[in-house]
Amino acid sequence: MGICFRSLLRVTNPTILLFFLVSCFSITLTDAYDALDPNGNITIKWDVISWTADGYVATVTMFNFQQYRHIQAPGWTLGWTWAKKEVIWSMMGAQTTEQGDCSKFKGNIPHCCKKDPTVVDLLPGTPYNQQIANCCKGGVINSWAQDPDNSASSFQVSVGSAGTTNKTVRVPKNFTLNAPGPGYTCGPAKIVKPTKFVTQDGRRVTQAMMTWNITCTYSQFLAQKTPTCCVSLSSFYNDTIVPCPTCTCGCQNNLTQPGSCVNPDSPYLASVVSDHGKKNSFAPLVQCTSHMCPIRVHWHVKVNYKEYWRVKVTITNFNYRMNYTQWNLVAQHPNFDNLTQLFSFNYKPLNPYQNINDTAMLWGVKFYNDFLSQAGPLGNVPSELLFQKEKSTFTFEKGWAFPRRIYFNGDNCVMPPPDAYPYLPNAGIRENASLLMLMITLLLSVAFHFVRV
């Protein structure tokens, strides 16, 4: 919010000032609601598939219904609190991080006796007899629009609780989902119509005994207190390169977090890069810049043709602690309804409001540029977009050629203030010419008056 108000001091145009005020407050107050993905959530489905002598067996599945926000390595962790005195006898496709105190059991020892277990996904390569469908991906869940076939994660749990029946069974409470850090808030479990399962050959349908749904929604503000990405701008018609706003994601002289950035020519850089994988820290360690953001997206208006115009988009990773796999970019611009060609990126239109086609989701081509390397010479991916002009709306004036908003991996990136956008060179000339003509007209009027007198 401080960045917004610092930028407002430089805005002089009343119309731009009003627009920018609305933008600042909308970013802050509606951060938990995503206007480009209004129905996006992660739904946890808890299916009781059979009863046992002292409890039940359940299949737990997380469905990622978010269009462009995914869960990347090191993956999700799921926690809850048991409603009664349940224990976990066994699990398939996942495991708890702690066993807890199982000393009261003399025979078979449960997998977990904690009141509030924390579950993690198993890694790829897990023995087949410990797997179920949609498990064992290291906690990685892709987004619904980018890869719907890999947008779910499942595990099976055998729950023990003396005397549990379909009349006395209780679903766990206080679900928490980390992906891998905070950001998600899960609501209470709601009983729904039992899930139906179709066999692989499609010839038989079975049904869960009971089913609960838990819905988890994401808030960027809860995930991190500062932005994670920013946008810079440039154009062929203006030599000015508009950088990301200063201190967008932090400041180099931030005394509360010393050592939060590293210069590329630092003698300690090699040791930092080699040690980052040994530290279980999700805090970014970025290259020292004026904006201090892990990710910068640069939008360059490159060429103007008679019926088309071209844009170059470059995503740069300044984070020494993160390789971004399955990354994606969401951009909003009114000319996306006439996107003609896209180079080296995948593309899918997002139409949350159906009649408005102004939002595009972009991501890398598999095995080519879907991996965005950590900060360094290879830490960037470029692409070019070719748009066809719509004569009734197309213009290079007043910043129209630049995006309205940009997301990286589902996080809203900070845009430069509107008054800093590159302007057309003839805009200033026209204003000066208008002023000059006004002065000449005034002088001629005065001269004509004196001639008549």
Protein backbone atom coordinates (compact mmCIF):
# COMPACT_ATOMS: atom_id res chain seq x y z
CA MET A 1 0.00 0.00 0.00
CA GLY A 2 2.92 2.31 0.76
CA ILE A 3 4.18 1.80 -2.80
CA CYS A 4 0.81 3.00 -4.14
CA PHE A 5 0.83 6.20 -2.09
CA ARG A 6 4.47 6.95 -2.95
CA SER A 7 3.54 6.63 -6.63
CA LEU A 8 0.44 8.79 -6.20
CA LEU A 9 2.64 11.74 -5.29
CA ARG A 10 3.90 11.79 -8.89
CA VAL A 11 0.43 11.65 -10.53
CA THR A 12 -0.92 15.01 -11.64
CA ASN A 13 -3.72 14.13 -14.08
CA PRO A 14 -7.05 14.00 -12.13
CA THR A 15 -8.46 11.14 -14.24
CA ILE A 16 -5.34 9.02 -13.82
CA LEU A 17 -5.26 9.91 -10.11
CA LEU A 18 -8.81 8.59 -9.60
CA PHE A 19 -8.05 5.40 -11.58
CA PHE A 20 -4.87 4.79 -9.61
CA LEU A 21 -6.59 5.32 -6.25
CA VAL A 22 -9.19 2.70 -7.17
CA SER A 23 -6.43 0.32 -8.30
CA CYS A 24 -4.50 0.72 -5.04
CA PHE A 25 -7.51 0.04 -2.84
CA SER A 26 -8.77 -2.84 -4.99
CA ILE A 27 -5.40 -4.59 -4.74
CA THR A 28 -5.45 -4.25 -0.96
CA LEU A 29 -9.08 -4.86 -0.04
CA THR A 30 -10.05 -7.54 -2.55
CA ASP A 31 -6.83 -9.53 -2.45
CA ALA A 32 -8.59 -12.75 -1.38
CA TYR A 33 -10.95 -12.50 -4.36
CA ASP A 34 -9.53 -13.05 -7.83
CA ALA A 35 -11.58 -11.28 -10.50
CA LEU A 36 -9.89 -13.29 -13.27
CA ASP A 37 -10.68 -16.62 -11.58
CA PRO A 38 -13.77 -15.93 -9.44
CA ASN A 39 -14.62 -19.60 -8.86
CA GLY A 40 -11.07 -20.88 -8.33
CA ASN A 41 -10.50 -23.07 -5.26
CA ILE A 42 -9.02 -26.34 -4.07
CA THR A 43 -11.73 -28.80 -3.06
CA ILE A 44 -10.81 -31.64 -0.69
CA LYS A 45 -13.14 -34.64 -1.04
CA TRP A 46 -13.21 -37.06 1.91
CA ASP A 47 -14.86 -40.31 0.72
CA VAL A 48 -15.61 -43.11 3.19
CA ILE A 49 -15.34 -46.12 0.89
CA SER A 50 -15.71 -48.99 3.42
CA TRP A 51 -16.28 -49.75 7.10
CA THR A 52 -13.83 -51.74 9.24
CA ALA A 53 -14.16 -53.46 12.63
CA ASP A 54 -13.14 -50.29 14.49
CA GLY A 55 -13.44 -47.52 11.92
CA TYR A 56 -13.35 -46.94 8.18
CA VAL A 57 -11.20 -46.58 5.08
CA ALA A 58 -11.32 -43.22 3.27
CA THR A 59 -9.95 -41.89 0.00
CA VAL A 60 -8.93 -38.24 0.27
CA THR A 61 -8.57 -36.28 -2.99
CA MET A 62 -7.55 -32.67 -3.53
CA PHE A 63 -8.95 -31.19 -6.76
CA ASN A 64 -7.31 -27.99 -7.97
CA PHE A 65 -10.10 -26.01 -9.65
CA GLN A 66 -7.94 -22.90 -9.94
CA GLN A 67 -7.39 -21.91 -13.56
CA TYR A 68 -3.76 -20.83 -13.25
CA ARG A 69 -2.55 -21.25 -9.67
CA HIS A 70 -0.73 -24.53 -9.09
CA ILE A 71 1.21 -26.19 -6.28
CA GLN A 72 4.86 -26.72 -7.15
CA ALA A 73 7.73 -28.50 -5.40
CA PRO A 74 8.29 -29.13 -2.54
CA GLY A 75 4.55 -29.69 -2.66
CA TRP A 76 1.48 -29.59 -0.44
CA THR A 77 1.07 -30.50 3.21
CA LEU A 78 -2.41 -31.21 4.59
CA GLY A 79 -3.36 -31.14 8.24
CA TRP A 80 -6.50 -31.54 10.34
CA THR A 81 -7.72 -32.22 13.88
CA TRP A 82 -9.59 -35.43 14.68
CA ALA A 83 -13.12 -34.97 16.01
CA LYS A 84 -12.76 -37.83 18.51
CA LYS A 85 -9.90 -40.20 19.47
CA GLU A 86 -9.13 -41.52 16.02
CA VAL A 87 -5.80 -42.99 14.95
CA ILE A 88 -4.42 -43.78 11.51
CA TRP A 89 -3.74 -47.50 11.17
CA SER A 90 -2.23 -47.30 7.70
CA MET A 91 -1.91 -45.08 4.64
CA MET A 92 -1.33 -45.50 0.91
CA GLY A 93 -0.11 -42.77 -1.41
CA ALA A 94 0.93 -40.47 1.44
CA GLN A 95 2.37 -40.46 4.93
CA THR A 96 2.24 -38.39 8.10
CA THR A 97 5.31 -36.40 9.06
CA GLU A 98 5.17 -37.68 12.69
CA GLN A 99 3.93 -40.88 14.29
CA GLY A 100 3.11 -39.36 17.65
CA ASP A 101 2.73 -41.23 20.97
CA CYS A 102 1.46 -44.76 20.27
CA SER A 103 2.74 -46.28 23.55
CA LYS A 104 -0.72 -47.44 24.68
CA PHE A 105 -0.92 -49.89 21.78
CA LYS A 106 0.59 -53.28 22.64
CA GLY A 107 -0.02 -55.23 19.44
CA ASN A 108 -0.24 -53.58 16.06
CA ILE A 109 1.24 -50.09 16.09
CA PRO A 110 -0.71 -47.41 14.17
CA HIS A 111 0.87 -45.34 11.46
CA CYS A 112 0.01 -42.17 13.41
CA CYS A 113 -1.51 -41.44 16.83
CA LYS A 114 -1.39 -37.63 16.77
CA LYS A 115 -4.55 -35.63 17.42
CA ASP A 116 -3.52 -33.22 14.65
CA PRO A 117 -1.59 -35.17 11.98
CA THR A 118 0.22 -33.53 9.06
CA VAL A 119 0.20 -35.47 5.79
CA VAL A 120 2.60 -35.18 2.83
CA ASP A 121 2.54 -36.81 -0.59
CA LEU A 122 4.93 -39.65 -1.41
CA LEU A 123 7.71 -39.08 -3.93
CA PRO A 124 7.81 -40.36 -7.51
CA GLY A 125 9.31 -43.85 -7.67
CA THR A 126 7.42 -45.09 -4.60
CA PRO A 127 6.87 -48.89 -4.74
CA TYR A 128 3.71 -49.76 -6.62
CA ASN A 129 2.10 -51.56 -3.66
CA GLN A 130 2.13 -48.26 -1.72
CA GLN A 131 0.46 -46.22 -4.45
CA ILE A 132 -3.08 -45.31 -5.45
CA ALA A 133 -4.30 -43.29 -8.45
CA ASN A 134 -3.18 -39.61 -8.50
CA CYS A 135 -0.58 -40.07 -5.77
CA CYS A 136 3.16 -39.94 -5.40
CA LYS A 137 4.02 -36.74 -7.29
CA GLY A 138 5.93 -35.09 -4.47
CA GLY A 139 2.94 -32.89 -3.64
CA VAL A 140 2.88 -31.18 -7.03
CA ILE A 141 -0.59 -30.34 -8.38
CA ASN A 142 -0.96 -28.56 -11.72
CA SER A 143 -3.59 -25.94 -12.44
CA TRP A 144 -6.90 -26.76 -14.06
CA ALA A 145 -6.40 -24.75 -17.25
CA GLN A 146 -2.75 -25.67 -17.79
CA ASP A 147 -2.87 -29.43 -17.15
CA PRO A 148 -6.29 -30.78 -16.07
CA ASP A 149 -5.08 -34.41 -16.19
CA ASN A 150 -2.63 -33.69 -13.35
CA SER A 151 -4.73 -31.26 -11.33
CA ALA A 152 -5.61 -33.71 -8.52
CA SER A 153 -3.77 -35.55 -5.76
CA SER A 154 -5.08 -38.50 -3.72
CA PHE A 155 -4.22 -40.78 -0.83
CA GLN A 156 -5.97 -43.49 1.17
CA VAL A 157 -6.20 -43.63 4.95
CA SER A 158 -7.43 -46.39 7.27
CA VAL A 159 -8.93 -44.74 10.35
CA GLY A 160 -9.48 -46.46 13.69
CA SER A 161 -11.94 -45.22 16.29
CA ALA A 162 -13.65 -47.59 18.71
CA GLY A 163 -17.35 -47.98 18.04
CA THR A 164 -17.41 -45.91 14.83
CA THR A 165 -20.45 -46.55 12.61
CA ASN A 166 -22.23 -44.64 9.88
CA LYS A 167 -24.28 -43.03 12.67
CA THR A 168 -21.35 -41.97 14.90
CA VAL A 169 -18.56 -41.23 12.39
CA ARG A 170 -17.29 -37.66 12.43
CA VAL A 171 -15.25 -35.87 9.78
CA PRO A 172 -12.01 -34.17 10.94
CA LYS A 173 -12.02 -30.46 11.76
CA ASN A 174 -9.71 -27.47 11.24
CA PHE A 175 -8.25 -28.46 7.88
CA THR A 176 -5.05 -26.62 6.93
CA LEU A 177 -3.46 -26.66 3.48
CA ASN A 178 0.05 -25.38 2.85
CA ALA A 179 1.36 -25.20 -0.68
CA PRO A 180 4.08 -25.36 0.56
CA GLY A 181 3.79 -22.16 2.61
CA PRO A 182 0.66 -20.37 3.86
CA GLY A 183 -1.99 -18.73 1.70
CA TYR A 184 -4.94 -21.13 1.76
CA THR A 185 -7.88 -20.92 4.16
CA CYS A 186 -10.12 -23.99 4.42
CA GLY A 187 -13.76 -23.86 5.41
CA PRO A 188 -15.70 -26.43 7.44
CA ALA A 189 -16.51 -29.85 6.01
CA LYS A 190 -19.93 -30.21 4.39
CA ILE A 191 -21.69 -33.49 3.74
CA VAL A 192 -22.54 -33.91 0.04
CA LYS A 193 -23.97 -36.54 -2.24
CA PRO A 194 -21.75 -39.66 -2.09
CA THR A 195 -19.13 -39.88 -4.83
CA LYS A 196 -19.52 -42.49 -7.54
CA PHE A 197 -16.47 -44.34 -8.87
CA VAL A 198 -16.28 -45.92 -12.34
CA THR A 199 -14.00 -48.90 -12.91
CA GLN A 200 -11.27 -48.67 -15.54
CA ASP A 201 -13.19 -50.79 -18.02
CA GLY A 202 -16.25 -48.56 -17.52
CA ARG A 203 -18.53 -51.53 -16.80
CA ARG A 204 -19.19 -51.03 -13.10
CA VAL A 205 -19.97 -48.08 -10.82
CA THR A 206 -19.39 -48.13 -7.07
CA GLN A 207 -20.37 -45.52 -4.52
CA ALA A 208 -18.82 -44.05 -1.38
CA MET A 209 -20.59 -44.72 1.92
CA MET A 210 -20.35 -41.05 2.90
CA THR A 211 -18.68 -37.99 1.35
CA TRP A 212 -17.59 -34.64 2.79
CA ASN A 213 -16.28 -31.62 0.85
CA ILE A 214 -13.84 -29.05 2.23
CA THR A 215 -13.21 -25.91 0.16
CA CYS A 216 -9.91 -24.02 0.41
CA THR A 217 -9.41 -20.55 -1.11
CA TYR A 218 -6.20 -18.63 -1.71
CA SER A 219 -5.18 -15.15 -0.57
CA GLN A 220 -1.98 -13.60 -1.87
CA PHE A 221 -1.82 -11.36 1.21
CA LEU A 222 -1.85 -14.40 3.53
CA ALA A 223 0.80 -16.13 1.43
CA GLN A 224 3.30 -13.27 1.69
CA LYS A 225 3.19 -9.75 3.03
CA THR A 226 5.03 -8.28 0.03
CA PRO A 227 4.49 -8.73 -3.73
CA THR A 228 6.38 -11.47 -5.55
CA CYS A 229 6.61 -9.98 -9.04
CA CYS A 230 6.57 -6.69 -10.91
CA VAL A 231 6.16 -5.38 -14.46
CA SER A 232 8.44 -3.10 -16.49
CA LEU A 233 7.52 -1.45 -19.79
CA SER A 234 9.13 -0.14 -22.97
CA SER A 235 8.21 0.65 -26.56
CA PHE A 236 9.71 1.28 -29.98
CA TYR A 237 8.29 4.82 -30.08
CA ASN A 238 9.95 6.03 -26.88
CA ASP A 239 13.52 5.60 -25.61
CA THR A 240 12.32 5.50 -22.01
CA ILE A 241 12.39 2.11 -20.28
CA VAL A 242 9.93 2.21 -17.40
CA PRO A 243 11.37 0.02 -14.63
CA CYS A 244 9.55 -1.74 -11.84
CA PRO A 245 8.73 0.74 -9.07
CA THR A 246 11.53 1.13 -6.53
CA CYS A 247 11.21 -1.14 -3.48
CA THR A 248 8.27 -3.01 -5.01
CA CYS A 249 9.04 -6.23 -3.14
CA GLY A 250 11.51 -4.83 -0.58
CA CYS A 251 14.45 -2.48 -0.23
CA GLN A 252 18.17 -3.24 -0.25
CA ASN A 253 18.69 -1.23 2.92
CA ASN A 254 16.01 -3.14 4.82
CA LEU A 255 17.65 -3.49 8.23
CA THR A 256 15.10 -6.04 9.45
CA GLN A 257 16.23 -8.56 6.81
CA PRO A 258 19.97 -8.16 6.26
CA GLY A 259 21.49 -10.30 3.56
CA SER A 260 18.24 -10.60 1.63
CA CYS A 261 19.94 -10.05 -1.74
CA VAL A 262 23.18 -10.93 -3.49
CA ASN A 263 25.01 -9.00 -6.20
CA PRO A 264 25.81 -11.00 -9.36
CA ASP A 265 29.52 -10.15 -9.04
CA SER A 266 29.68 -11.04 -5.34
CA PRO A 267 32.45 -13.52 -4.39
CA TYR A 268 29.89 -15.30 -2.17
CA LEU A 269 27.45 -15.96 -5.03
CA ALA A 270 28.76 -19.46 -5.83
CA SER A 271 28.45 -20.62 -2.22
CA VAL A 272 24.94 -19.17 -1.95
CA VAL A 273 23.76 -20.99 -5.06
CA SER A 274 25.32 -24.31 -4.00
CA ASP A 275 23.92 -24.12 -0.46
CA HIS A 276 20.37 -23.01 -1.24
CA GLY A 277 19.14 -26.56 -1.85
CA LYS A 278 20.35 -27.67 1.60
CA LYS A 279 18.24 -25.10 3.40
CA ASN A 280 14.56 -25.73 3.97
CA SER A 281 13.68 -22.07 3.46
CA PHE A 282 10.98 -20.70 1.19
CA ALA A 283 12.11 -17.09 1.66
CA PRO A 284 13.52 -15.82 -1.65
CA LEU A 285 17.15 -14.82 -1.92
CA VAL A 286 17.15 -12.41 -4.84
CA GLN A 287 19.66 -10.63 -7.00
CA CYS A 288 20.11 -7.08 -5.74
CA THR A 289 17.92 -4.75 -7.81
CA SER A 290 16.03 -1.52 -7.21
CA HIS A 291 12.74 -3.47 -7.03
CA MET A 292 14.00 -6.57 -5.14
CA CYS A 293 11.37 -8.83 -6.74
CA PRO A 294 11.95 -12.54 -7.41
CA ILE A 295 10.21 -12.22 -10.80
CA ARG A 296 10.11 -9.38 -13.32
CA VAL A 297 7.88 -9.40 -16.40
CA HIS A 298 8.92 -6.99 -19.16
CA TRP A 299 6.34 -5.94 -21.78
CA HIS A 300 7.91 -4.32 -24.86
CA VAL A 301 5.81 -2.88 -27.68
CA LYS A 302 8.16 -3.94 -30.47
CA VAL A 303 6.82 -3.25 -33.98
CA ASN A 304 3.92 -1.44 -35.61
CA TYR A 305 2.65 -2.85 -38.92
CA LYS A 306 -0.17 -1.62 -41.10
CA GLU A 307 -2.71 -4.16 -39.84
CA TYR A 308 -0.80 -5.78 -36.95
CA TRP A 309 1.38 -4.90 -34.00
CA ARG A 310 3.90 -7.01 -32.12
CA VAL A 311 4.80 -7.33 -28.42
CA LYS A 312 7.78 -9.05 -26.79
CA VAL A 313 7.27 -10.46 -23.30
CA THR A 314 10.26 -11.54 -21.19
CA ILE A 315 10.02 -13.22 -17.78
CA THR A 316 13.19 -12.95 -15.68
CA ASN A 317 13.90 -14.91 -12.50
CA PHE A 318 15.97 -13.01 -9.91
CA ASN A 319 15.51 -15.67 -7.20
CA TYR A 320 18.58 -17.78 -6.35
CA ARG A 321 16.47 -20.20 -4.28
CA MET A 322 13.82 -21.18 -6.80
CA ASN A 323 13.55 -22.91 -10.14
CA TYR A 324 10.02 -22.40 -11.44
CA THR A 325 8.59 -25.51 -13.06
CA GLN A 326 5.23 -25.47 -14.85
CA TRP A 327 5.23 -21.67 -14.56
CA ASN A 328 2.44 -19.64 -16.14
CA LEU A 329 1.66 -16.03 -16.93
CA VAL A 330 -1.78 -14.41 -17.10
CA ALA A 331 -2.12 -11.09 -18.92
CA GLN A 332 -5.15 -8.86 -19.42
CA HIS A 333 -5.36 -6.62 -22.50
CA PRO A 334 -8.34 -5.72 -24.70
CA ASN A 335 -6.58 -6.85 -27.91
CA PHE A 336 -6.34 -10.50 -26.81
CA ASP A 337 -9.58 -11.08 -28.69
CA ASN A 338 -7.50 -10.60 -31.86
CA LEU A 339 -4.32 -12.48 -30.93
CA THR A 340 -3.04 -13.79 -34.26
CA GLN A 341 0.17 -15.65 -33.44
CA LEU A 342 2.19 -16.63 -30.39
CA PHE A 343 5.82 -17.71 -30.47
CA SER A 344 7.34 -20.36 -28.12
CA PHE A 345 4.56 -20.18 -25.48
CA ASN A 346 1.32 -22.10 -25.07
CA TYR A 347 -1.85 -20.02 -25.00
CA LYS A 348 -5.35 -20.39 -23.65
CA PRO A 349 -8.00 -17.66 -23.43
CA LEU A 350 -9.62 -17.15 -20.04
CA ASN A 351 -13.19 -15.92 -20.17
CA PRO A 352 -14.46 -15.70 -16.59
CA TYR A 353 -17.29 -13.46 -17.77
CA GLN A 354 -17.89 -15.24 -21.12
CA ASN A 355 -18.63 -12.21 -23.30
CA ILE A 356 -15.29 -10.49 -22.54
CA ASN A 357 -12.25 -12.08 -24.20
CA ASP A 358 -9.42 -9.90 -22.88
CA THR A 359 -7.45 -12.33 -20.68
CA ALA A 360 -4.84 -14.84 -21.80
CA MET A 361 -2.98 -17.57 -19.97
CA LEU A 362 0.53 -18.28 -21.28
CA TRP A 363 2.93 -21.02 -20.29
CA GLY A 364 6.06 -22.75 -21.55
CA VAL A 365 6.31 -25.54 -24.11
CA LYS A 366 7.07 -28.88 -22.44
CA PHE A 367 10.75 -29.90 -22.54
CA TYR A 368 11.60 -26.56 -24.16
CA ASN A 369 10.94 -23.59 -21.88
CA ASP A 370 8.51 -24.82 -19.20
CA PHE A 371 11.44 -24.67 -16.74
CA LEU A 372 12.41 -21.17 -15.57
CA SER A 373 15.88 -21.49 -14.06
CA GLN A 374 17.02 -19.67 -10.93
CA ALA A 375 18.70 -16.27 -11.18
CA GLY A 376 21.56 -16.21 -13.65
CA PRO A 377 22.29 -16.07 -17.38
CA LEU A 378 19.64 -18.73 -18.13
CA GLY A 379 17.00 -17.35 -15.77
CA ASN A 380 14.66 -15.88 -18.37
CA VAL A 381 12.12 -16.98 -20.98
CA PRO A 382 11.02 -14.68 -23.87
CA SER A 383 8.13 -14.81 -26.33
CA GLU A 384 6.47 -12.59 -28.91
CA LEU A 385 2.78 -11.93 -29.49
CA LEU A 386 1.32 -10.72 -32.77
CA PHE A 387 -2.00 -8.86 -32.55
CA GLN A 388 -4.33 -7.83 -35.35
CA LYS A 389 -5.50 -4.25 -35.07
CA GLU A 390 -9.12 -3.45 -34.39
CA LYS A 391 -9.40 -0.05 -36.06
CA SER A 392 -12.21 1.16 -33.82
CA THR A 393 -10.18 0.67 -30.63
CA PHE A 394 -6.48 0.42 -31.53
CA THR A 395 -4.19 3.25 -30.43
CA PHE A 396 -0.72 3.77 -29.00
CA GLU A 397 -1.91 6.76 -27.00
CA LYS A 398 -2.49 6.95 -23.25
CA GLY A 399 -0.80 3.59 -22.51
CA TRP A 400 -3.42 1.54 -24.38
CA ALA A 401 -0.74 -0.84 -25.75
CA PHE A 402 0.31 -1.97 -22.27
CA PRO A 403 -1.41 -4.67 -20.16
CA ARG A 404 -4.06 -3.85 -17.61
CA ARG A 405 -2.71 -6.45 -15.19
CA ILE A 406 -0.29 -9.39 -15.14
CA TYR A 407 -0.14 -12.45 -12.89
CA PHE A 408 2.81 -14.82 -12.51
CA ASN A 409 1.96 -18.25 -11.05
CA GLY A 410 -1.30 -16.79 -9.81
CA ASP A 411 0.21 -13.81 -7.96
CA ASN A 412 -0.75 -10.29 -9.01
CA CYS A 413 2.31 -8.39 -10.24
CA VAL A 414 2.83 -4.72 -9.41
CA MET A 415 2.50 -2.39 -12.43
CA PRO A 416 4.33 0.93 -12.82
CA PRO A 417 2.26 4.06 -12.05
CA PRO A 418 0.18 5.14 -15.08
CA ASP A 419 1.85 8.54 -15.37
CA ALA A 420 5.20 6.82 -16.01
CA TYR A 421 4.08 4.83 -19.07
CA PRO A 422 5.99 5.53 -22.31
CA TYR A 423 4.17 8.21 -24.29
CA LEU A 424 4.03 8.97 -27.98
CA PRO A 425 6.61 11.60 -28.98
CA ASN A 426 4.02 13.63 -30.90
CA ALA A 427 1.85 13.92 -27.79
CA GLY A 428 4.16 16.51 -26.29
CA ILE A 429 4.60 18.18 -29.70
CA ARG A 430 0.86 18.51 -30.12
CA GLU A 431 0.50 20.08 -26.69
CA ASN A 432 3.31 22.55 -27.39
CA ALA A 433 1.88 23.27 -30.85
CA SER A 434 -1.54 23.93 -29.35
CA LEU A 435 -0.05 26.30 -26.79
CA LEU A 436 2.02 28.02 -29.48
CA MET A 437 -1.01 28.44 -31.73
CA LEU A 438 -2.97 29.87 -28.83
CA MET A 439 -0.22 32.42 -28.11
CA ILE A 440 0.10 33.33 -31.82
CA THR A 441 -3.66 33.77 -32.10
CA LEU A 442 -3.68 35.96 -29.00
CA LEU A 443 -0.79 38.09 -30.27
CA LEU A 444 -2.40 38.47 -33.69
CA SER A 445 -5.65 39.53 -32.04
CA VAL A 446 -3.85 42.15 -29.97
CA ALA A 447 -1.88 43.35 -32.99
CA PHE A 448 -5.03 43.55 -35.11
CA HIS A 449 -6.71 45.54 -32.35
CA PHE A 450 -3.90 48.10 -32.23
CA VAL A 451 -3.84 48.35 -36.05
CA ARG A 452 -7.51 49.21 -36.09
CA VAL A 453 -7.05 51.74 -33.34
